[in-house]
PDB file of N, CA and C in Angstrom:
ATOM      1  N   MET A   1      80.824  42.518  95.641  1.00  0.00           N
ATOM      2  CA  MET A   1      80.338  43.757  95.055  1.00  0.00           C
ATOM      3  C   MET A   1      80.079  44.811  96.121  1.00  0.00           C
ATOM      4  N   THR A   2      79.705  44.374  97.325  1.00  0.00           N
ATOM      5  CA  THR A   2      79.441  45.367  98.372  1.00  0.00           C
ATOM      6  C   THR A   2      80.725  46.044  98.822  1.00  0.00           C
ATOM      7  N   GLY A   3      81.854  45.364  98.697  1.00  0.00           N
ATOM      8  CA  GLY A   3      83.134  45.978  99.041  1.00  0.00           C
ATOM      9  C   GLY A   3      83.459  47.156  98.140  1.00  0.00           C
ATOM     10  N   LEU A   4      83.067  47.044  96.863  1.00  0.00           N
ATOM     11  CA  LEU A   4      83.298  48.148  95.933  1.00  0.00           C
ATOM     12  C   LEU A   4      82.426  49.342  96.276  1.00  0.00           C
ATOM     13  N   LEU A   5      81.209  49.081  96.734  1.00  0.00           N
ATOM     14  CA  LEU A   5      80.302  50.177  97.060  1.00  0.00           C
ATOM     15  C   LEU A   5      80.707  50.870  98.351  1.00  0.00           C
ATOM     16  N   VAL A   6      81.230  50.108  99.293  1.00  0.00           N
ATOM     17  CA  VAL A   6      81.659  50.701 100.559  1.00  0.00           C
ATOM     18  C   VAL A   6      82.932  51.509 100.364  1.00  0.00           C
ATOM     19  N   ASN A   7      83.834  50.989  99.574  1.00  0.00           N
ATOM     20  CA  ASN A   7      85.122  51.643  99.336  1.00  0.00           C
ATOM     21  C   ASN A   7      85.111  52.380  98.003  1.00  0.00           C
ATOM     22  N   TYR A   8      84.141  53.236  97.791  1.00  0.00           N
ATOM     23  CA  TYR A   8      84.016  53.875  96.483  1.00  0.00           C
ATOM     24  C   TYR A   8      85.134  54.867  96.205  1.00  0.00           C
ATOM     25  N   TYR A   9      85.729  55.471  97.225  1.00  0.00           N
ATOM     26  CA  TYR A   9      86.870  56.357  96.979  1.00  0.00           C
ATOM     27  C   TYR A   9      88.062  55.563  96.457  1.00  0.00           C
ATOM     28  N   GLU A  10      88.320  54.424  97.084  1.00  0.00           N
ATOM     29  CA  GLU A  10      89.430  53.595  96.643  1.00  0.00           C
ATOM     30  C   GLU A  10      89.179  53.024  95.249  1.00  0.00           C
ATOM     31  N   THR A  11      87.921  52.630  94.992  1.00  0.00           N
ATOM     32  CA  THR A  11      87.575  52.118  93.670  1.00  0.00           C
ATOM     33  C   THR A  11      87.767  53.186  92.604  1.00  0.00           C
ATOM     34  N   ALA A  12      87.330  54.403  92.902  1.00  0.00           N
ATOM     35  CA  ALA A  12      87.506  55.511  91.961  1.00  0.00           C
ATOM     36  C   ALA A  12      88.987  55.792  91.734  1.00  0.00           C
ATOM     37  N   ALA A  13      89.792  55.696  92.793  1.00  0.00           N
ATOM     38  CA  ALA A  13      91.225  55.935  92.661  1.00  0.00           C
ATOM     39  C   ALA A  13      91.874  54.887  91.763  1.00  0.00           C
ATOM     40  N   ILE A  14      91.460  53.626  91.898  1.00  0.00           N
ATOM     41  CA  ILE A  14      92.027  52.565  91.070  1.00  0.00           C
ATOM     42  C   ILE A  14      91.633  52.749  89.611  1.00  0.00           C
ATOM     43  N   ILE A  15      90.380  53.130  89.369  1.00  0.00           N
ATOM     44  CA  ILE A  15      89.931  53.370  87.997  1.00  0.00           C
ATOM     45  C   ILE A  15      90.689  54.551  87.391  1.00  0.00           C
ATOM     46  N   LEU A  16      90.838  55.636  88.162  1.00  0.00           N
ATOM     47  CA  LEU A  16      91.588  56.797  87.672  1.00  0.00           C
ATOM     48  C   LEU A  16      93.032  56.435  87.371  1.00  0.00           C
ATOM     49  N   PHE A  17      93.640  55.630  88.228  1.00  0.00           N
ATOM     50  CA  PHE A  17      95.019  55.220  87.987  1.00  0.00           C
ATOM     51  C   PHE A  17      95.116  54.429  86.691  1.00  0.00           C
ATOM     52  N   GLY A  18      94.156  53.537  86.451  1.00  0.00           N
ATOM     53  CA  GLY A  18      94.149  52.765  85.201  1.00  0.00           C
ATOM     54  C   GLY A  18      93.995  53.644  83.979  1.00  0.00           C
ATOM     55  N   VAL A  19      93.112  54.636  84.070  1.00  0.00           N
ATOM     56  CA  VAL A  19      92.925  55.568  82.947  1.00  0.00           C
ATOM     57  C   VAL A  19      94.212  56.342  82.690  1.00  0.00           C
ATOM     58  N   GLY A  20      94.837  56.840  83.757  1.00  0.00           N
ATOM     59  CA  GLY A  20      96.083  57.579  83.604  1.00  0.00           C
ATOM     60  C   GLY A  20      97.199  56.721  83.050  1.00  0.00           C
ATOM     61  N   PHE A  21      97.280  55.477  83.519  1.00  0.00           N
ATOM     62  CA  PHE A  21      98.336  54.572  83.054  1.00  0.00           C
ATOM     63  C   PHE A  21      98.175  54.246  81.578  1.00  0.00           C
ATOM     64  N   THR A  22      96.939  53.947  81.155  1.00  0.00           N
ATOM     65  CA  THR A  22      96.735  53.643  79.743  1.00  0.00           C
ATOM     66  C   THR A  22      96.984  54.871  78.867  1.00  0.00           C
ATOM     67  N   THR A  23      96.626  56.044  79.366  1.00  0.00           N
ATOM     68  CA  THR A  23      96.916  57.273  78.618  1.00  0.00           C
ATOM     69  C   THR A  23      98.423  57.480  78.489  1.00  0.00           C
ATOM     70  N   LEU A  24      99.132  57.241  79.567  1.00  0.00           N
ATOM     71  CA  LEU A  24     100.581  57.405  79.559  1.00  0.00           C
ATOM     72  C   LEU A  24     101.261  56.407  78.622  1.00  0.00           C
ATOM     73  N   MET A  25     100.776  55.183  78.593  1.00  0.00           N
ATOM     74  CA  MET A  25     101.449  54.140  77.830  1.00  0.00           C
ATOM     75  C   MET A  25     101.093  54.110  76.345  1.00  0.00           C
ATOM     76  N   PHE A  26      99.868  54.462  75.993  1.00  0.00           N
ATOM     77  CA  PHE A  26      99.414  54.201  74.633  1.00  0.00           C
ATOM     78  C   PHE A  26      99.253  55.429  73.751  1.00  0.00           C
ATOM     79  N   HIS A  27      99.654  56.598  74.212  1.00  0.00           N
ATOM     80  CA  HIS A  27      99.603  57.792  73.374  1.00  0.00           C
ATOM     81  C   HIS A  27     101.030  58.241  73.053  1.00  0.00           C
ATOM     82  N   ASN A  28     101.230  58.720  71.851  1.00  0.00           N
ATOM     83  CA  ASN A  28     102.548  59.203  71.443  1.00  0.00           C
ATOM     84  C   ASN A  28     102.706  60.704  71.647  1.00  0.00           C
ATOM     85  N   ASN A  29     101.609  61.411  71.837  1.00  0.00           N
ATOM     86  CA  ASN A  29     101.639  62.847  72.058  1.00  0.00           C
ATOM     87  C   ASN A  29     102.175  63.119  73.469  1.00  0.00           C
ATOM     88  N   LEU A  30     103.201  63.942  73.569  1.00  0.00           N
ATOM     89  CA  LEU A  30     103.832  64.188  74.872  1.00  0.00           C
ATOM     90  C   LEU A  30     102.905  64.909  75.843  1.00  0.00           C
ATOM     91  N   ILE A  31     102.046  65.797  75.348  1.00  0.00           N
ATOM     92  CA  ILE A  31     101.102  66.488  76.230  1.00  0.00           C
ATOM     93  C   ILE A  31     100.117  65.481  76.829  1.00  0.00           C
ATOM     94  N   LYS A  32      99.657  64.542  76.022  1.00  0.00           N
ATOM     95  CA  LYS A  32      98.742  63.513  76.526  1.00  0.00           C
ATOM     96  C   LYS A  32      99.434  62.627  77.554  1.00  0.00           C
ATOM     97  N   LYS A  33     100.711  62.361  77.357  1.00  0.00           N
ATOM     98  CA  LYS A  33     101.462  61.586  78.340  1.00  0.00           C
ATOM     99  C   LYS A  33     101.559  62.335  79.666  1.00  0.00           C
ATOM    100  N   ILE A  34     101.778  63.629  79.614  1.00  0.00           N
ATOM    101  CA  ILE A  34     101.848  64.436  80.837  1.00  0.00           C
ATOM    102  C   ILE A  34     100.491  64.457  81.528  1.00  0.00           C
ATOM    103  N   ILE A  35      99.415  64.562  80.760  1.00  0.00           N
ATOM    104  CA  ILE A  35      98.070  64.534  81.343  1.00  0.00           C
ATOM    105  C   ILE A  35      97.815  63.177  82.003  1.00  0.00           C
ATOM    106  N   GLY A  36      98.237  62.094  81.359  1.00  0.00           N
ATOM    107  CA  GLY A  36      98.099  60.774  81.960  1.00  0.00           C
ATOM    108  C   GLY A  36      98.853  60.651  83.267  1.00  0.00           C
ATOM    109  N   LEU A  37     100.044  61.202  83.318  1.00  0.00           N
ATOM    110  CA  LEU A  37     100.824  61.201  84.553  1.00  0.00           C
ATOM    111  C   LEU A  37     100.117  61.992  85.648  1.00  0.00           C
ATOM    112  N   ASN A  38      99.510  63.117  85.290  1.00  0.00           N
ATOM    113  CA  ASN A  38      98.773  63.912  86.277  1.00  0.00           C
ATOM    114  C   ASN A  38      97.532  63.182  86.776  1.00  0.00           C
ATOM    115  N   ILE A  39      96.869  62.442  85.911  1.00  0.00           N
ATOM    116  CA  ILE A  39      95.710  61.655  86.351  1.00  0.00           C
ATOM    117  C   ILE A  39      96.161  60.579  87.333  1.00  0.00           C
ATOM    118  N   MET A  40      97.302  59.946  87.053  1.00  0.00           N
ATOM    119  CA  MET A  40      97.832  58.945  87.980  1.00  0.00           C
ATOM    120  C   MET A  40      98.181  59.571  89.328  1.00  0.00           C
ATOM    121  N   ASP A  41      98.793  60.759  89.310  1.00  0.00           N
ATOM    122  CA  ASP A  41      99.111  61.461  90.555  1.00  0.00           C
ATOM    123  C   ASP A  41      97.847  61.732  91.363  1.00  0.00           C
ATOM    124  N   THR A  42      96.813  62.208  90.691  1.00  0.00           N
ATOM    125  CA  THR A  42      95.559  62.518  91.362  1.00  0.00           C
ATOM    126  C   THR A  42      94.940  61.262  91.968  1.00  0.00           C
ATOM    127  N   ALA A  43      95.034  60.147  91.271  1.00  0.00           N
ATOM    128  CA  ALA A  43      94.502  58.895  91.798  1.00  0.00           C
ATOM    129  C   ALA A  43      95.231  58.476  93.068  1.00  0.00           C
ATOM    130  N   ILE A  44      96.529  58.650  93.083  1.00  0.00           N
ATOM    131  CA  ILE A  44      97.301  58.293  94.275  1.00  0.00           C
ATOM    132  C   ILE A  44      96.947  59.210  95.439  1.00  0.00           C
ATOM    133  N   PHE A  45      96.789  60.499  95.165  1.00  0.00           N
ATOM    134  CA  PHE A  45      96.389  61.431  96.223  1.00  0.00           C
ATOM    135  C   PHE A  45      95.030  61.063  96.793  1.00  0.00           C
ATOM    136  N   LEU A  46      94.077  60.756  95.918  1.00  0.00           N
ATOM    137  CA  LEU A  46      92.740  60.370  96.365  1.00  0.00           C
ATOM    138  C   LEU A  46      92.799  59.109  97.211  1.00  0.00           C
ATOM    139  N   PHE A  47      93.577  58.136  96.795  1.00  0.00           N
ATOM    140  CA  PHE A  47      93.667  56.873  97.523  1.00  0.00           C
ATOM    141  C   PHE A  47      94.222  57.084  98.934  1.00  0.00           C
ATOM    142  N   PHE A  48      95.316  57.812  99.048  1.00  0.00           N
ATOM    143  CA  PHE A  48      95.921  57.994 100.362  1.00  0.00           C
ATOM    144  C   PHE A  48      95.077  58.868 101.277  1.00  0.00           C
ATOM    145  N   ILE A  49      94.445  59.891 100.732  1.00  0.00           N
ATOM    146  CA  ILE A  49      93.577  60.725 101.553  1.00  0.00           C
ATOM    147  C   ILE A  49      92.382  59.909 102.030  1.00  0.00           C
ATOM    148  N   ALA A  50      91.820  59.063 101.153  1.00  0.00           N
ATOM    149  CA  ALA A  50      90.689  58.219 101.547  1.00  0.00           C
ATOM    150  C   ALA A  50      91.100  57.227 102.632  1.00  0.00           C
ATOM    151  N   LYS A  51      92.299  56.696 102.547  1.00  0.00           N
ATOM    152  CA  LYS A  51      92.770  55.758 103.562  1.00  0.00           C
ATOM    153  C   LYS A  51      93.028  56.438 104.903  1.00  0.00           C
ATOM    154  N   GLY A  52      93.396  57.696 104.884  1.00  0.00           N
ATOM    155  CA  GLY A  52      93.697  58.402 106.125  1.00  0.00           C
ATOM    156  C   GLY A  52      92.482  58.989 106.810  1.00  0.00           C
ATOM    157  N   TYR A  53      91.323  58.950 106.152  1.00  0.00           N
ATOM    158  CA  TYR A  53      90.119  59.558 106.714  1.00  0.00           C
ATOM    159  C   TYR A  53      89.396  58.580 107.642  1.00  0.00           C
ATOM    160  N   ILE A  54      88.868  59.100 108.740  1.00  0.00           N
ATOM    161  CA  ILE A  54      88.060  58.322 109.672  1.00  0.00           C
ATOM    162  C   ILE A  54      86.709  59.009 109.777  1.00  0.00           C
ATOM    163  N   ALA A  55      85.641  58.282 109.469  1.00  0.00           N
ATOM    164  CA  ALA A  55      84.301  58.866 109.541  1.00  0.00           C
ATOM    165  C   ALA A  55      83.985  59.257 110.978  1.00  0.00           C
ATOM    166  N   GLY A  56      83.571  60.483 111.151  1.00  0.00           N
ATOM    167  CA  GLY A  56      83.241  60.970 112.488  1.00  0.00           C
ATOM    168  C   GLY A  56      84.454  61.388 113.298  1.00  0.00           C
ATOM    169  N   GLY A  57      85.619  61.330 112.706  1.00  0.00           N
ATOM    170  CA  GLY A  57      86.834  61.704 113.421  1.00  0.00           C
ATOM    171  C   GLY A  57      86.991  63.212 113.522  1.00  0.00           C
ATOM    172  N   GLU A  58      87.821  63.606 114.441  1.00  0.00           N
ATOM    173  CA  GLU A  58      88.088  65.026 114.666  1.00  0.00           C
ATOM    174  C   GLU A  58      89.545  65.327 114.369  1.00  0.00           C
ATOM    175  N   ALA A  59      89.837  66.611 114.266  1.00  0.00           N
ATOM    176  CA  ALA A  59      91.230  67.036 114.120  1.00  0.00           C
ATOM    177  C   ALA A  59      91.985  66.666 115.395  1.00  0.00           C
ATOM    178  N   PRO A  60      93.251  66.289 115.279  1.00  0.00           N
ATOM    179  CA  PRO A  60      94.001  65.835 116.457  1.00  0.00           C
ATOM    180  C   PRO A  60      94.462  67.004 117.340  1.00  0.00           C
ATOM    181  N   ILE A  61      93.501  67.802 117.766  1.00  0.00           N
ATOM    182  CA  ILE A  61      93.780  68.928 118.650  1.00  0.00           C
ATOM    183  C   ILE A  61      92.912  68.750 119.888  1.00  0.00           C
ATOM    184  N   ILE A  62      93.523  68.698 121.040  1.00  0.00           N
ATOM    185  CA  ILE A  62      92.771  68.520 122.277  1.00  0.00           C
ATOM    186  C   ILE A  62      92.409  69.896 122.816  1.00  0.00           C
ATOM    187  N   ARG A  63      91.115  70.126 122.933  1.00  0.00           N
ATOM    188  CA  ARG A  63      90.624  71.392 123.491  1.00  0.00           C
ATOM    189  C   ARG A  63      90.031  71.107 124.867  1.00  0.00           C
ATOM    190  N   GLY A  64      90.458  71.829 125.846  1.00  0.00           N
ATOM    191  CA  GLY A  64      89.918  71.604 127.189  1.00  0.00           C
ATOM    192  C   GLY A  64      90.454  70.312 127.767  1.00  0.00           C
ATOM    193  N   GLU A  65      89.578  69.582 128.434  1.00  0.00           N
ATOM    194  CA  GLU A  65      89.981  68.323 129.045  1.00  0.00           C
ATOM    195  C   GLU A  65      89.962  67.188 128.030  1.00  0.00           C
ATOM    196  N   PHE A  66      90.862  66.246 128.229  1.00  0.00           N
ATOM    197  CA  PHE A  66      90.900  65.061 127.383  1.00  0.00           C
ATOM    198  C   PHE A  66      89.819  64.102 127.851  1.00  0.00           C
ATOM    199  N   ASN A  67      88.908  63.734 126.948  1.00  0.00           N
ATOM    200  CA  ASN A  67      87.790  62.881 127.329  1.00  0.00           C
ATOM    201  C   ASN A  67      88.068  61.389 127.145  1.00  0.00           C
ATOM    202  N   GLY A  68      89.237  61.025 126.717  1.00  0.00           N
ATOM    203  CA  GLY A  68      89.607  59.627 126.579  1.00  0.00           C
ATOM    204  C   GLY A  68      89.225  59.001 125.253  1.00  0.00           C
ATOM    205  N   VAL A  69      88.519  59.718 124.389  1.00  0.00           N
ATOM    206  CA  VAL A  69      88.130  59.188 123.090  1.00  0.00           C
ATOM    207  C   VAL A  69      89.248  59.463 122.094  1.00  0.00           C
ATOM    208  N   LEU A  70      89.720  58.419 121.450  1.00  0.00           N
ATOM    209  CA  LEU A  70      90.801  58.560 120.485  1.00  0.00           C
ATOM    210  C   LEU A  70      90.260  58.394 119.069  1.00  0.00           C
ATOM    211  N   ASN A  71      89.293  59.193 118.704  1.00  0.00           N
ATOM    212  CA  ASN A  71      88.700  59.140 117.379  1.00  0.00           C
ATOM    213  C   ASN A  71      89.217  60.326 116.562  1.00  0.00           C
ATOM    214  N   TYR A  72      90.528  60.328 116.341  1.00  0.00           N
ATOM    215  CA  TYR A  72      91.152  61.432 115.626  1.00  0.00           C
ATOM    216  C   TYR A  72      91.571  61.002 114.228  1.00  0.00           C
ATOM    217  N   VAL A  73      91.502  61.934 113.317  1.00  0.00           N
ATOM    218  CA  VAL A  73      91.955  61.689 111.954  1.00  0.00           C
ATOM    219  C   VAL A  73      93.473  61.847 111.932  1.00  0.00           C
ATOM    220  N   ASN A  74      94.149  60.908 111.307  1.00  0.00           N
ATOM    221  CA  ASN A  74      95.603  60.946 111.218  1.00  0.00           C
ATOM    222  C   ASN A  74      96.031  62.063 110.252  1.00  0.00           C
ATOM    223  N   PRO A  75      96.827  63.038 110.697  1.00  0.00           N
ATOM    224  CA  PRO A  75      97.227  64.130 109.807  1.00  0.00           C
ATOM    225  C   PRO A  75      98.404  63.796 108.890  1.00  0.00           C
ATOM    226  N   VAL A  76      99.073  62.685 109.121  1.00  0.00           N
ATOM    227  CA  VAL A  76     100.272  62.365 108.345  1.00  0.00           C
ATOM    228  C   VAL A  76      99.959  62.124 106.855  1.00  0.00           C
ATOM    229  N   PRO A  77      98.931  61.331 106.500  1.00  0.00           N
ATOM    230  CA  PRO A  77      98.656  61.169 105.061  1.00  0.00           C
ATOM    231  C   PRO A  77      98.332  62.489 104.362  1.00  0.00           C
ATOM    232  N   THR A  78      97.616  63.362 105.042  1.00  0.00           N
ATOM    233  CA  THR A  78      97.293  64.656 104.445  1.00  0.00           C
ATOM    234  C   THR A  78      98.550  65.486 104.234  1.00  0.00           C
ATOM    235  N   ALA A  79      99.437  65.500 105.203  1.00  0.00           N
ATOM    236  CA  ALA A  79     100.681  66.255 105.066  1.00  0.00           C
ATOM    237  C   ALA A  79     101.551  65.685 103.949  1.00  0.00           C
ATOM    238  N   LEU A  80     101.609  64.360 103.854  1.00  0.00           N
ATOM    239  CA  LEU A  80     102.392  63.741 102.788  1.00  0.00           C
ATOM    240  C   LEU A  80     101.806  64.037 101.415  1.00  0.00           C
ATOM    241  N   MET A  81     100.493  64.066 101.325  1.00  0.00           N
ATOM    242  CA  MET A  81      99.867  64.345 100.028  1.00  0.00           C
ATOM    243  C   MET A  81     100.047  65.806  99.633  1.00  0.00           C
ATOM    244  N   LEU A  82     100.083  66.708 100.590  1.00  0.00           N
ATOM    245  CA  LEU A  82     100.392  68.105 100.258  1.00  0.00           C
ATOM    246  C   LEU A  82     101.792  68.215  99.674  1.00  0.00           C
ATOM    247  N   THR A  83     102.724  67.484 100.252  1.00  0.00           N
ATOM    248  CA  THR A  83     104.079  67.449  99.708  1.00  0.00           C
ATOM    249  C   THR A  83     104.080  66.810  98.323  1.00  0.00           C
ATOM    250  N   GLY A  84     103.302  65.743  98.155  1.00  0.00           N
ATOM    251  CA  GLY A  84     103.210  65.086  96.861  1.00  0.00           C
ATOM    252  C   GLY A  84     102.624  65.984  95.787  1.00  0.00           C
ATOM    253  N   ILE A  85     101.655  66.812  96.159  1.00  0.00           N
ATOM    254  CA  ILE A  85     101.068  67.745  95.201  1.00  0.00           C
ATOM    255  C   ILE A  85     102.110  68.743  94.718  1.00  0.00           C
ATOM    256  N   VAL A  86     102.924  69.230  95.618  1.00  0.00           N
ATOM    257  CA  VAL A  86     103.983  70.170  95.245  1.00  0.00           C
ATOM    258  C   VAL A  86     104.970  69.501  94.296  1.00  0.00           C
ATOM    259  N   VAL A  87     105.347  68.268  94.585  1.00  0.00           N
ATOM    260  CA  VAL A  87     106.264  67.536  93.710  1.00  0.00           C
ATOM    261  C   VAL A  87     105.620  67.285  92.347  1.00  0.00           C
ATOM    262  N   ALA A  88     104.321  66.943  92.333  1.00  0.00           N
ATOM    263  CA  ALA A  88     103.628  66.684  91.065  1.00  0.00           C
ATOM    264  C   ALA A  88     103.550  67.940  90.201  1.00  0.00           C
ATOM    265  N   VAL A  89     103.279  69.074  90.821  1.00  0.00           N
ATOM    266  CA  VAL A  89     103.213  70.324  90.059  1.00  0.00           C
ATOM    267  C   VAL A  89     104.593  70.669  89.493  1.00  0.00           C
ATOM    268  N   THR A  90     105.622  70.462  90.286  1.00  0.00           N
ATOM    269  CA  THR A  90     106.981  70.734  89.829  1.00  0.00           C
ATOM    270  C   THR A  90     107.368  69.810  88.674  1.00  0.00           C
ATOM    271  N   THR A  91     107.043  68.540  88.794  1.00  0.00           N
ATOM    272  CA  THR A  91     107.335  67.581  87.733  1.00  0.00           C
ATOM    273  C   THR A  91     106.586  67.930  86.450  1.00  0.00           C
ATOM    274  N   THR A  92     105.337  68.345  86.599  1.00  0.00           N
ATOM    275  CA  THR A  92     104.545  68.736  85.431  1.00  0.00           C
ATOM    276  C   THR A  92     105.148  69.953  84.740  1.00  0.00           C
ATOM    277  N   ALA A  93     105.539  70.938  85.533  1.00  0.00           N
ATOM    278  CA  ALA A  93     106.153  72.136  84.949  1.00  0.00           C
ATOM    279  C   ALA A  93     107.447  71.787  84.219  1.00  0.00           C
ATOM    280  N   PHE A  94     108.262  70.914  84.804  1.00  0.00           N
ATOM    281  CA  PHE A  94     109.513  70.502  84.172  1.00  0.00           C
ATOM    282  C   PHE A  94     109.244  69.734  82.873  1.00  0.00           C
ATOM    283  N   ALA A  95     108.272  68.813  82.910  1.00  0.00           N
ATOM    284  CA  ALA A  95     107.944  68.033  81.714  1.00  0.00           C
ATOM    285  C   ALA A  95     107.387  68.928  80.609  1.00  0.00           C
ATOM    286  N   LEU A  96     106.571  69.904  80.960  1.00  0.00           N
ATOM    287  CA  LEU A  96     106.052  70.825  79.951  1.00  0.00           C
ATOM    288  C   LEU A  96     107.167  71.689  79.365  1.00  0.00           C
ATOM    289  N   GLY A  97     108.117  72.087  80.206  1.00  0.00           N
ATOM    290  CA  GLY A  97     109.274  72.837  79.707  1.00  0.00           C
ATOM    291  C   GLY A  97     110.102  72.015  78.725  1.00  0.00           C
ATOM    292  N   LEU A  98     110.313  70.744  79.055  1.00  0.00           N
ATOM    293  CA  LEU A  98     111.042  69.867  78.123  1.00  0.00           C
ATOM    294  C   LEU A  98     110.262  69.662  76.822  1.00  0.00           C
ATOM    295  N   THR A  99     108.943  69.577  76.931  1.00  0.00           N
ATOM    296  CA  THR A  99     108.112  69.411  75.736  1.00  0.00           C
ATOM    297  C   THR A  99     108.214  70.639  74.838  1.00  0.00           C
ATOM    298  N   ILE A 100     108.246  71.816  75.434  1.00  0.00           N
ATOM    299  CA  ILE A 100     108.402  73.047  74.645  1.00  0.00           C
ATOM    300  C   ILE A 100     109.741  73.044  73.918  1.00  0.00           C
ATOM    301  N   LYS A 101     110.795  72.661  74.615  1.00  0.00           N
ATOM    302  CA  LYS A 101     112.118  72.607  73.981  1.00  0.00           C
ATOM    303  C   LYS A 101     112.165  71.567  72.857  1.00  0.00           C
ATOM    304  N   LEU A 102     111.531  70.410  73.063  1.00  0.00           N
ATOM    305  CA  LEU A 102     111.477  69.405  72.001  1.00  0.00           C
ATOM    306  C   LEU A 102     110.695  69.913  70.798  1.00  0.00           C
ATOM    307  N   ASN A 103     109.614  70.633  71.051  1.00  0.00           N
ATOM    308  CA  ASN A 103     108.821  71.189  69.960  1.00  0.00           C
ATOM    309  C   ASN A 103     109.625  72.242  69.192  1.00  0.00           C
ATOM    310  N   GLU A 104     110.411  73.047  69.893  1.00  0.00           N
ATOM    311  CA  GLU A 104     111.244  74.050  69.215  1.00  0.00           C
ATOM    312  C   GLU A 104     112.318  73.381  68.359  1.00  0.00           C
ATOM    313  N   LYS A 105     112.888  72.286  68.853  1.00  0.00           N
ATOM    314  CA  LYS A 105     113.970  71.638  68.127  1.00  0.00           C
ATOM    315  C   LYS A 105     113.469  70.777  66.967  1.00  0.00           C
ATOM    316  N   TYR A 106     112.407  69.993  67.179  1.00  0.00           N
ATOM    317  CA  TYR A 106     111.962  69.035  66.173  1.00  0.00           C
ATOM    318  C   TYR A 106     110.684  69.453  65.452  1.00  0.00           C
ATOM    319  N   GLY A 107     109.969  70.452  65.955  1.00  0.00           N
ATOM    320  CA  GLY A 107     108.757  70.919  65.303  1.00  0.00           C
ATOM    321  C   GLY A 107     107.543  70.032  65.507  1.00  0.00           C
ATOM    322  N   THR A 108     107.622  69.102  66.454  1.00  0.00           N
ATOM    323  CA  THR A 108     106.505  68.210  66.754  1.00  0.00           C
ATOM    324  C   THR A 108     106.585  67.759  68.202  1.00  0.00           C
ATOM    325  N   ILE A 109     105.451  67.315  68.715  1.00  0.00           N
ATOM    326  CA  ILE A 109     105.461  66.726  70.061  1.00  0.00           C
ATOM    327  C   ILE A 109     105.044  65.259  70.010  1.00  0.00           C
ATOM    328  N   ASP A 110     105.043  64.680  68.827  1.00  0.00           N
ATOM    329  CA  ASP A 110     104.769  63.258  68.650  1.00  0.00           C
ATOM    330  C   ASP A 110     106.060  62.487  68.890  1.00  0.00           C
ATOM    331  N   LEU A 111     106.039  61.600  69.856  1.00  0.00           N
ATOM    332  CA  LEU A 111     107.251  60.889  70.267  1.00  0.00           C
ATOM    333  C   LEU A 111     107.818  60.004  69.161  1.00  0.00           C
ATOM    334  N   ASP A 112     106.965  59.357  68.394  1.00  0.00           N
ATOM    335  CA  ASP A 112     107.454  58.510  67.307  1.00  0.00           C
ATOM    336  C   ASP A 112     108.179  59.329  66.237  1.00  0.00           C
ATOM    337  N   LYS A 113     107.635  60.492  65.912  1.00  0.00           N
ATOM    338  CA  LYS A 113     108.280  61.347  64.907  1.00  0.00           C
ATOM    339  C   LYS A 113     109.610  61.890  65.415  1.00  0.00           C
ATOM    340  N   ILE A 114     109.669  62.226  66.685  1.00  0.00           N
ATOM    341  CA  ILE A 114     110.933  62.711  67.264  1.00  0.00           C
ATOM    342  C   ILE A 114     111.982  61.608  67.219  1.00  0.00           C
ATOM    343  N   MET A 115     111.601  60.392  67.586  1.00  0.00           N
ATOM    344  CA  MET A 115     112.545  59.273  67.557  1.00  0.00           C
ATOM    345  C   MET A 115     112.981  58.967  66.126  1.00  0.00           C
ATOM    346  N   GLU A 116     112.075  59.108  65.178  1.00  0.00           N
ATOM    347  CA  GLU A 116     112.409  58.883  63.777  1.00  0.00           C
ATOM    348  C   GLU A 116     113.395  59.938  63.282  1.00  0.00           C
ATOM    349  N   MET A 117     113.196  61.190  63.682  1.00  0.00           N
ATOM    350  CA  MET A 117     114.113  62.261  63.284  1.00  0.00           C
ATOM    351  C   MET A 117     115.493  62.072  63.885  1.00  0.00           C
ATOM    352  N   ARG A 118     115.545  61.511  65.069  1.00  0.00           N
ATOM    353  CA  ARG A 118     116.829  61.255  65.725  1.00  0.00           C
ATOM    354  C   ARG A 118     117.530  60.030  65.154  1.00  0.00           C
ATOM    355  N   GLY A 119     116.803  59.207  64.417  1.00  0.00           N
ATOM    356  CA  GLY A 119     117.397  57.995  63.841  1.00  0.00           C
ATOM    357  C   GLY A 119     117.381  56.833  64.796  1.00  0.00           C
ATOM    358  N   ASN A 120     116.532  56.866  65.818  1.00  0.00           N
ATOM    359  CA  ASN A 120     116.457  55.794  66.809  1.00  0.00           C
ATOM    360  C   ASN A 120     115.175  54.999  66.679  1.00  0.00           C
ATOM    361  N   SER A 121     114.705  54.752  65.487  1.00  0.00           N
ATOM    362  CA  SER A 121     113.461  54.013  65.328  1.00  0.00           C
ATOM    363  C   SER A 121     113.692  52.542  65.663  1.00  0.00           C
ATOM    364  N   ASP A 122     112.594  51.839  65.895  1.00  0.00           N
ATOM    365  CA  ASP A 122     112.678  50.424  66.270  1.00  0.00           C
ATOM    366  C   ASP A 122     112.937  49.515  65.080  1.00  0.00           C
ATOM    367  N   ASP A 123     112.954  50.060  63.859  1.00  0.00           N
ATOM    368  CA  ASP A 123     113.128  49.246  62.656  1.00  0.00           C
ATOM    369  C   ASP A 123     114.556  48.763  62.463  1.00  0.00           C
ATOM    370  N   LYS A 124     115.521  49.339  63.153  1.00  0.00           N
ATOM    371  CA  LYS A 124     116.922  48.972  62.946  1.00  0.00           C
ATOM    372  C   LYS A 124     117.265  47.659  63.598  1.00  0.00           C
TER     373      LYS A 124
END
């Protein structure tokens, strides 16, 4: 139990990922599925940023003389997560655009109703 309290960022990220995954899997509304995907993205960002952080660490910029202390925060996870955020926003915009087009064509954003209108129900 103490491991959960020490690693509360990672624990929160795992819980958020579970919430996003269940939202993505068990809702038929396409907007709710997109929200679930965004919650999962946020959980992954939180997890990687938490893993890249060092308590008491400094930015990896040497000012003046080098004192021999290598207590620097790794900038690579932060840079990768910034790239991931851009990809997540782009994916969300694309998914919302597709949802708008589906709503214009079928008049609903319920996935089961869309599949039923297309004739691809699981009853066959």
